[in-house]
C-alpha cells in the first residue's frame, strides 16, 4: 500500500469514527516508581474533551488503579495476595478518577466512573444494563471512565479480564464503536524487539497471522499486565467484528488528535470482517464459553465456508459441564477455536448424541427438541469471515 493509499484509509476510518473507545495503559499514566503522572493525566483529559467537542462520543478504559494505590501507600512491590491487591486497587481507584475529574470539571466536562467485572458482560441481562447505562451517559455528554472492579473481581485480578486491553475490546463490542485506540508506552507493533535499532514500526496490519504473531515480544512489569500479546488478542477480537484498532504512543502529546485527523500514527489493525449484530457480538466476544465442542473437518468446513449450523453428527468430542443455552467454544480437530455459539443441548446430552444423525437424536435421548446442536443464527465465526 502506498503512502497516499494509507493516508486515504486512515482518513476514512477517522471520518467514520462517530464513537471512539480509548484505552490507556499503566506505564503511560505512571512514573517509574508507580506513582500517578498527573501532568500526563491532565493532558489526556484535555484530549478526551477535545474529542467530545468535535462531536464524537468517547469512552476511556483506564488502567492505573493498582499503581496509584501503591504510590499512595508507599509500596514498592505489587501485592501478591488477593485481599491486599484489592485493597490497594480500591485506594488507587479513588485517586485515579479524581485526577481525571479535576481537569474535566475545569473544562466544563462531566466524568462518570464505571467499574465492571467479567460477569457484568457475561450475563445477558447485566450486559444489556451496562450497555444502556453507557448509552445514557454518552447522551448526557459525559465521558465514561471505565476500569475493572478490582475490589471484587478475583478472577480478573489474577487471571485477568484478560487485561484492560481485553476489557477495552469488549466495551468496543458492547457499544459498537467503529474505532478502538490503545495508547501504549511504545509507538505500536514492531517487526522485532522494540528496543532494537533494526526493528521497524509496522504501519498497517490487514490480517493477524503467524507472521504478525511472531513479531510480538511481551515485556513483563509489576505494574502492567497486558503487553503486546494482549493487544494482539484485542485486535483480533475487534477486527473480526468489523471494527478498527490503532495502537499508538500515549506519550506523544497529540496522538489522539492526530489519529482522528487521519494521520499515519502508530499501527492500524484494519477491520477484517463485516460488522456483526449486537446479539452475535455478545455471543462471540463478551459471554465466556462454558465448555468446548470439537467438530470434525467436514463440520468445520460447513460452518466456515458455507455458513451452516453445527449438527451432532459432526461432533467428535466435548469438554466441560455446560447447560442448554450456554455459550460454548467450537474447535477444529487441531484444537483451534473457529467459532462460538449457544448450544441447544446440555453437556451430558451432547456426549450421548455426538456423531449421531439429527433424525436419530430422538432415539438416543427420547426426544428431539432441536435438529441442530448450534443453529447458525446463534453461531459466530472468530475468523473475521462471518458468512451470509
Protein backbone atom coordinates (compact mmCIF):
# COMPACT_ATOMS: atom_id res chain seq x y z
CA UNK A 1 0.00 0.00 0.00
CA UNK A 2 1.38 3.42 -0.98
CA UNK A 3 1.61 6.35 1.44
CA UNK A 4 -1.28 8.01 -0.36
CA UNK A 5 -3.47 4.94 -0.08
CA UNK A 6 -2.53 4.53 3.60
CA UNK A 7 -3.48 8.15 4.28
CA UNK A 8 -6.79 7.70 2.47
CA UNK A 9 -7.66 4.61 4.54
CA UNK A 10 -6.75 6.39 7.76
CA UNK A 11 -8.85 9.43 6.90
CA UNK A 12 -11.83 7.24 6.04
CA UNK A 13 -11.57 5.42 9.37
CA UNK A 14 -11.25 8.70 11.25
CA UNK A 15 -14.24 10.22 9.46
CA UNK A 16 -16.47 7.24 10.29
CA UNK A 17 -15.41 7.08 13.95
CA UNK A 18 -18.52 8.63 15.48
CA UNK A 19 -17.73 6.78 18.73
CA UNK A 20 -14.20 6.13 19.97
CA UNK A 21 -13.04 3.89 22.79
CA UNK A 22 -9.65 4.92 24.17
CA UNK A 23 -7.61 2.61 26.37
CA UNK A 24 -4.59 3.90 28.24
CA UNK A 25 -2.04 1.68 29.93
CA UNK A 26 -0.41 1.79 33.33
CA UNK A 27 3.06 2.68 32.03
CA UNK A 28 1.64 5.73 30.25
CA UNK A 29 -0.08 7.04 33.37
CA UNK A 30 2.60 6.46 35.98
CA UNK A 31 6.16 7.44 36.79
CA UNK A 32 8.89 4.84 37.08
CA UNK A 33 8.15 4.46 40.81
CA UNK A 34 4.50 3.62 40.10
CA UNK A 35 3.10 6.99 41.17
CA UNK A 36 0.50 8.73 39.03
CA UNK A 37 1.82 11.11 36.41
CA UNK A 38 -0.67 13.94 36.93
CA UNK A 39 0.67 16.00 34.03
CA UNK A 40 0.01 13.16 31.62
CA UNK A 41 -3.47 12.53 33.05
CA UNK A 42 -4.30 16.22 32.66
CA UNK A 43 -3.11 16.20 29.06
CA UNK A 44 -5.13 13.07 28.27
CA UNK A 45 -8.22 14.60 29.88
CA UNK A 46 -7.85 17.63 27.63
CA UNK A 47 -7.53 15.39 24.58
CA UNK A 48 -10.69 13.50 25.54
CA UNK A 49 -12.51 16.80 25.98
CA UNK A 50 -11.37 17.90 22.51
CA UNK A 51 -12.71 14.67 21.01
CA UNK A 52 -16.05 15.26 22.70
CA UNK A 53 -16.10 18.87 21.48
CA UNK A 54 -15.57 17.66 17.92
CA UNK A 55 -18.99 16.00 18.07
CA UNK A 56 -17.77 12.47 18.67
CA UNK A 57 -18.66 10.25 21.59
CA UNK A 58 -15.70 8.99 23.58
CA UNK A 59 -15.17 6.44 26.35
CA UNK A 60 -11.96 5.83 28.28
CA UNK A 61 -10.78 2.47 29.62
CA UNK A 62 -8.08 3.39 32.10
CA UNK A 63 -5.51 1.28 33.88
CA UNK A 64 -3.52 2.62 36.80
CA UNK A 65 -5.62 1.95 39.92
CA UNK A 66 -3.21 -0.53 41.49
CA UNK A 67 -0.23 1.67 40.65
CA UNK A 68 -1.93 4.72 42.15
CA UNK A 69 -2.75 2.79 45.30
CA UNK A 70 0.83 1.56 45.63
CA UNK A 71 2.07 5.13 45.36
CA UNK A 72 -0.43 6.36 47.95
CA UNK A 73 0.62 3.65 50.40
CA UNK A 74 4.33 3.92 49.71
CA UNK A 75 4.57 0.35 48.37
CA UNK A 76 7.38 -0.60 46.02
CA UNK A 77 6.13 -4.07 45.08
CA UNK A 78 2.75 -5.18 43.77
CA UNK A 79 0.94 -7.25 46.48
CA UNK A 80 0.75 -10.95 45.73
CA UNK A 81 -2.34 -11.91 47.75
CA UNK A 82 -5.92 -11.11 46.74
CA UNK A 83 -7.07 -9.12 49.78
CA UNK A 84 -4.12 -6.71 49.73
CA UNK A 85 -4.27 -6.31 45.97
CA UNK A 86 -7.97 -5.46 46.14
CA UNK A 87 -7.38 -3.01 48.98
CA UNK A 88 -4.61 -1.27 47.04
CA UNK A 89 -6.85 -1.09 43.96
CA UNK A 90 -9.70 0.45 45.98
CA UNK A 91 -7.42 3.16 47.35
CA UNK A 92 -5.88 3.82 43.96
CA UNK A 93 -9.18 3.94 42.08
CA UNK A 94 -10.31 6.92 44.14
CA UNK A 95 -7.13 8.79 43.30
CA UNK A 96 -7.30 7.85 39.63
CA UNK A 97 -10.86 9.03 38.98
CA UNK A 98 -10.23 12.22 40.99
CA UNK A 99 -7.23 13.02 38.79
CA UNK A 100 -9.34 12.77 35.62
CA UNK A 101 -12.34 14.56 37.09
CA UNK A 102 -10.29 17.52 38.31
CA UNK A 103 -9.24 18.53 34.78
CA UNK A 104 -12.52 17.64 33.09
CA UNK A 105 -14.52 19.74 35.56
CA UNK A 106 -12.37 22.75 34.80
CA UNK A 107 -13.22 22.25 31.13
CA UNK A 108 -16.93 22.04 31.87
CA UNK A 109 -16.97 18.32 31.13
CA UNK A 110 -18.66 15.62 33.18
CA UNK A 111 -16.76 12.42 34.00
CA UNK A 112 -18.53 9.21 35.01
CA UNK A 113 -16.84 6.32 36.81
CA UNK A 114 -17.89 2.85 35.60
CA UNK A 115 -16.42 -0.24 37.28
CA UNK A 116 -17.05 -3.59 35.61
CA UNK A 117 -16.35 -7.26 36.18
CA UNK A 118 -16.32 -10.01 33.56
CA UNK A 119 -19.63 -11.28 34.97
CA UNK A 120 -21.26 -7.96 34.10
CA UNK A 121 -20.63 -8.61 30.41
CA UNK A 122 -21.10 -12.38 30.63
CA UNK A 123 -24.70 -12.34 31.88
CA UNK A 124 -27.05 -11.22 29.10
CA UNK A 125 -29.36 -9.05 31.24
CA UNK A 126 -26.48 -7.34 33.03
CA UNK A 127 -24.73 -6.87 29.69
CA UNK A 128 -27.77 -5.01 28.35
CA UNK A 129 -28.00 -2.92 31.54
CA UNK A 130 -24.36 -1.86 31.17
CA UNK A 131 -24.91 -1.02 27.50
CA UNK A 132 -27.98 1.08 28.29
CA UNK A 133 -26.16 2.92 31.08
CA UNK A 134 -23.20 3.74 28.84
CA UNK A 135 -25.52 4.94 26.10
CA UNK A 136 -27.33 7.23 28.53
CA UNK A 137 -24.05 8.63 29.82
CA UNK A 138 -22.98 9.41 26.26
CA UNK A 139 -26.34 11.05 25.54
CA UNK A 140 -25.80 13.27 28.58
CA UNK A 141 -22.45 14.30 27.10
CA UNK A 142 -20.44 12.62 29.84
CA UNK A 143 -17.14 10.81 29.37
CA UNK A 144 -17.36 7.33 30.93
CA UNK A 145 -14.09 6.32 32.59
CA UNK A 146 -14.11 2.53 32.78
CA UNK A 147 -11.96 0.12 34.75
CA UNK A 148 -12.21 -3.37 36.15
CA UNK A 149 -13.85 -3.52 39.54
CA UNK A 150 -10.68 -4.90 41.10
CA UNK A 151 -12.09 -4.74 44.63
CA UNK A 152 -14.49 -7.61 43.92
CA UNK A 153 -13.24 -9.28 40.72
CA UNK A 154 -10.92 -12.02 41.95
CA UNK A 155 -10.55 -13.81 38.62
CA UNK A 156 -9.95 -10.59 36.73
CA UNK A 157 -7.08 -9.58 39.02
CA UNK A 158 -5.22 -12.86 38.93
CA UNK A 159 -6.36 -14.45 35.67
CA UNK A 160 -7.37 -11.12 34.11
CA UNK A 161 -10.41 -9.94 32.07
CA UNK A 162 -7.84 -10.76 30.43
CA UNK A 163 -6.35 -7.35 30.97
CA UNK A 164 -7.65 -3.87 30.24
CA UNK A 165 -6.88 -4.36 26.55
CA UNK A 166 -9.43 -7.18 26.55
CA UNK A 167 -11.85 -5.05 28.56
CA UNK A 168 -11.48 -2.24 26.01
CA UNK A 169 -12.22 -4.67 23.18
CA UNK A 170 -15.35 -5.88 24.95
CA UNK A 171 -16.52 -2.29 25.56
CA UNK A 172 -15.94 -1.62 21.85
CA UNK A 173 -18.22 -4.55 21.02
CA UNK A 174 -20.75 -3.50 23.65
CA UNK A 175 -21.41 -0.07 22.14
CA UNK A 176 -20.44 -0.91 18.53
CA UNK A 177 -17.69 1.71 18.39
CA UNK A 178 -16.00 1.86 14.95
CA UNK A 179 -12.59 2.59 16.47
CA UNK A 180 -10.58 1.47 19.48
CA UNK A 181 -7.38 3.41 20.23
CA UNK A 182 -4.88 1.82 22.60
CA UNK A 183 -2.39 4.35 23.97
CA UNK A 184 0.69 2.40 24.96
CA UNK A 185 4.23 3.09 26.14
CA UNK A 186 5.54 2.30 22.63
CA UNK A 187 4.51 3.63 19.24
CA UNK A 188 2.86 0.44 18.00
CA UNK A 189 3.73 -3.03 16.74
CA UNK A 190 7.34 -3.55 15.66
CA UNK A 191 8.70 -6.31 13.45
CA UNK A 192 11.13 -7.25 16.22
CA UNK A 193 12.24 -6.19 19.68
CA UNK A 194 11.13 -2.53 20.02
CA UNK A 195 14.41 -1.69 21.76
CA UNK A 196 16.47 -2.89 18.79
CA UNK A 197 17.54 -0.23 16.24
CA UNK A 198 16.96 -2.78 13.48
CA UNK A 199 13.26 -3.12 14.31
CA UNK A 200 10.74 -1.17 12.27
CA UNK A 201 7.27 0.03 13.13
CA UNK A 202 4.50 -1.84 11.30
CA UNK A 203 2.16 0.84 9.96
CA UNK A 204 -0.78 -1.35 8.97
CA UNK A 205 -1.88 -4.92 9.65
CA UNK A 206 -4.52 -6.29 7.31
CA UNK A 207 -4.64 -9.73 8.92
CA UNK A 208 -3.20 -11.11 12.16
CA UNK A 209 -1.47 -14.31 11.08
CA UNK A 210 1.52 -16.33 12.29
CA UNK A 211 3.92 -13.81 10.74
CA UNK A 212 2.42 -10.94 12.73
CA UNK A 213 2.25 -13.01 15.92
CA UNK A 214 5.96 -13.80 15.55
CA UNK A 215 6.74 -10.09 15.90
CA UNK A 216 5.47 -9.96 19.46
CA UNK A 217 7.95 -9.59 22.25
CA UNK A 218 5.97 -9.46 25.51
CA UNK A 219 7.64 -7.50 28.29
CA UNK A 220 6.93 -8.13 31.97
CA UNK A 221 6.38 -5.50 34.62
CA UNK A 222 4.98 -5.35 38.12
CA UNK A 223 2.60 -2.59 37.04
CA UNK A 224 1.35 -3.70 33.64
CA UNK A 225 -0.36 -6.97 32.72
CA UNK A 226 -1.20 -6.71 29.05
CA UNK A 227 1.86 -6.41 26.84
CA UNK A 228 1.72 -6.69 23.07
CA UNK A 229 0.36 -10.25 23.31
CA UNK A 230 -2.81 -8.92 24.94
CA UNK A 231 -3.04 -6.11 22.39
CA UNK A 232 -2.93 -8.59 19.52
CA UNK A 233 -5.73 -10.59 21.14
CA UNK A 234 -7.78 -7.41 21.47
CA UNK A 235 -7.04 -6.53 17.84
CA UNK A 236 -8.20 -9.98 16.68
CA UNK A 237 -11.49 -9.61 18.53
CA UNK A 238 -12.17 -6.06 17.34
CA UNK A 239 -11.24 -6.54 13.70
CA UNK A 240 -13.17 -9.83 13.42
CA UNK A 241 -16.33 -7.88 14.27
CA UNK A 242 -15.70 -5.30 11.54
CA UNK A 243 -14.11 -2.52 13.61
CA UNK A 244 -10.66 -0.94 13.56
CA UNK A 245 -7.96 -0.69 16.22
CA UNK A 246 -4.93 1.60 16.41
CA UNK A 247 -2.02 1.22 18.82
CA UNK A 248 -0.07 4.44 19.36
CA UNK A 249 2.22 6.07 21.88
CA UNK A 250 0.42 7.59 24.83
CA UNK A 251 3.49 9.70 25.49
CA UNK A 252 3.02 11.68 22.31
CA UNK A 253 1.22 14.88 23.23
CA UNK A 254 -1.21 14.89 20.30
CA UNK A 255 -1.53 11.21 19.41
CA UNK A 256 -5.30 11.03 19.78
CA UNK A 257 -5.90 14.25 17.85
CA UNK A 258 -3.54 13.12 15.07
CA UNK A 259 -5.32 9.77 14.77
CA UNK A 260 -8.69 11.50 14.42
CA UNK A 261 -7.24 13.78 11.75
CA UNK A 262 -6.44 10.63 9.79
CA UNK A 263 -2.68 10.91 10.12
CA UNK A 264 -0.46 7.84 9.94
CA UNK A 265 0.21 7.32 13.64
CA UNK A 266 1.14 4.04 15.29
CA UNK A 267 -0.12 0.70 13.95
CA UNK A 268 -3.52 0.32 12.34
CA UNK A 269 -5.22 -3.07 12.61
CA UNK A 270 -7.81 -2.85 9.87
CA UNK A 271 -11.23 -4.46 10.07
CA UNK A 272 -11.08 -7.97 8.62
CA UNK A 273 -14.72 -8.96 8.92
CA UNK A 274 -18.16 -7.50 8.33
CA UNK A 275 -19.86 -5.53 11.09
CA UNK A 276 -21.96 -8.04 13.03
CA UNK A 277 -25.16 -7.68 15.03
CA UNK A 278 -25.24 -6.84 18.77
CA UNK A 279 -26.63 -10.32 19.50
CA UNK A 280 -23.72 -12.04 17.79
CA UNK A 281 -21.23 -9.64 19.39
CA UNK A 282 -22.41 -10.80 22.79
CA UNK A 283 -22.18 -14.47 21.83
CA UNK A 284 -18.79 -14.24 20.15
CA UNK A 285 -16.92 -11.63 22.13
CA UNK A 286 -18.50 -10.94 25.53
CA UNK A 287 -20.06 -14.07 27.03
CA UNK A 288 -17.43 -16.50 28.27
CA UNK A 289 -17.60 -20.05 26.89
CA UNK A 290 -18.73 -22.64 29.43
CA UNK A 291 -17.31 -25.58 27.54
CA UNK A 292 -15.77 -26.83 24.31
CA UNK A 293 -17.12 -28.80 21.39
CA UNK A 294 -14.70 -30.37 18.90
CA UNK A 295 -16.05 -30.73 15.36
CA UNK A 296 -14.68 -32.88 12.56
CA UNK A 297 -13.17 -31.35 9.45
CA UNK A 298 -16.34 -31.68 7.40
CA UNK A 299 -18.43 -29.88 10.02
CA UNK A 300 -15.81 -27.12 10.36
CA UNK A 301 -15.79 -26.56 6.60
CA UNK A 302 -19.59 -26.42 6.55
CA UNK A 303 -19.58 -23.78 9.31
CA UNK A 304 -16.76 -21.63 7.96
CA UNK A 305 -17.21 -21.94 4.20
CA UNK A 306 -20.98 -22.36 3.85
CA UNK A 307 -22.43 -20.75 6.95
CA UNK A 308 -24.14 -23.91 8.16
CA UNK A 309 -25.36 -24.88 11.62
CA UNK A 310 -23.41 -27.36 13.73
CA UNK A 311 -25.08 -30.77 13.73
CA UNK A 312 -24.50 -33.54 16.25
CA UNK A 313 -23.16 -35.86 13.58
CA UNK A 314 -20.18 -33.53 13.08
CA UNK A 315 -19.14 -33.53 16.75
CA UNK A 316 -16.29 -35.79 17.85
CA UNK A 317 -15.76 -34.64 21.45
CA UNK A 318 -16.88 -32.17 24.11
CA UNK A 319 -15.45 -30.78 27.33
CA UNK A 320 -16.98 -29.01 30.32
CA UNK A 321 -20.31 -29.10 32.15
CA UNK A 322 -22.40 -26.61 30.20
CA UNK A 323 -26.16 -26.25 30.13
CA UNK A 324 -28.62 -25.72 27.31
CA UNK A 325 -28.37 -22.07 26.22
CA UNK A 326 -24.76 -21.61 27.37
CA UNK A 327 -22.09 -20.23 25.09
CA UNK A 328 -19.60 -22.90 24.04
CA UNK A 329 -16.37 -22.78 22.07
CA UNK A 330 -16.28 -24.71 18.78
CA UNK A 331 -12.86 -26.12 17.89
CA UNK A 332 -11.46 -27.88 14.86
CA UNK A 333 -9.68 -31.27 15.12
CA UNK A 334 -6.37 -29.49 15.80
CA UNK A 335 -7.87 -27.60 18.74
CA UNK A 336 -8.08 -24.20 17.01
CA UNK A 337 -11.14 -22.19 18.04
CA UNK A 338 -13.16 -21.34 14.95
CA UNK A 339 -16.47 -20.18 16.42
CA UNK A 340 -18.64 -19.68 19.49
CA UNK A 341 -22.32 -20.34 19.82
CA UNK A 342 -25.32 -21.07 22.02
CA UNK A 343 -25.77 -24.80 22.48
CA UNK A 344 -29.24 -26.31 22.18
CA UNK A 345 -28.21 -29.27 24.33
CA UNK A 346 -26.54 -29.67 27.72
CA UNK A 347 -23.12 -31.31 28.01
CA UNK A 348 -24.49 -34.66 29.16
CA UNK A 349 -26.79 -34.87 26.13
CA UNK A 350 -24.06 -33.70 23.74
CA UNK A 351 -21.86 -36.57 24.82
CA UNK A 352 -24.69 -39.01 24.12
CA UNK A 353 -25.58 -37.69 20.67
CA UNK A 354 -22.18 -36.72 19.29
CA UNK A 355 -21.64 -38.40 15.94
CA UNK A 356 -25.38 -39.20 15.68
CA UNK A 357 -27.52 -38.18 12.71
CA UNK A 358 -30.10 -35.49 13.54
CA UNK A 359 -33.05 -37.77 12.72
CA UNK A 360 -31.81 -40.29 15.31
CA UNK A 361 -31.45 -37.84 18.25
CA UNK A 362 -34.94 -38.77 19.47
CA UNK A 363 -33.99 -42.46 19.50
CA UNK A 364 -30.99 -41.70 21.75
CA UNK A 365 -32.48 -39.07 24.09
CA UNK A 366 -36.17 -39.98 23.91
CA UNK A 367 -36.95 -36.56 22.43
CA UNK A 368 -35.55 -34.21 19.79
CA UNK A 369 -36.31 -30.58 20.64
CA UNK A 370 -33.77 -29.29 18.11
CA UNK A 371 -32.34 -30.62 14.87
CA UNK A 372 -29.18 -28.52 15.25
CA UNK A 373 -26.73 -28.69 18.11
CA UNK A 374 -25.94 -25.00 17.46
CA UNK A 375 -28.11 -23.08 15.00
CA UNK A 376 -26.27 -20.77 12.62
CA UNK A 377 -28.29 -17.77 13.91
CA UNK A 378 -26.60 -18.35 17.29
CA UNK A 379 -23.15 -19.15 15.89
CA UNK A 380 -20.35 -16.60 15.44
CA UNK A 381 -17.17 -17.20 13.46
CA UNK A 382 -13.97 -15.92 15.04
CA UNK A 383 -12.12 -15.81 11.72
CA UNK A 384 -13.42 -12.42 10.58
CA UNK A 385 -15.27 -14.10 7.70
CA UNK A 386 -18.82 -14.26 9.03
CA UNK A 387 -20.93 -15.82 6.24
CA UNK A 388 -24.26 -14.51 4.96
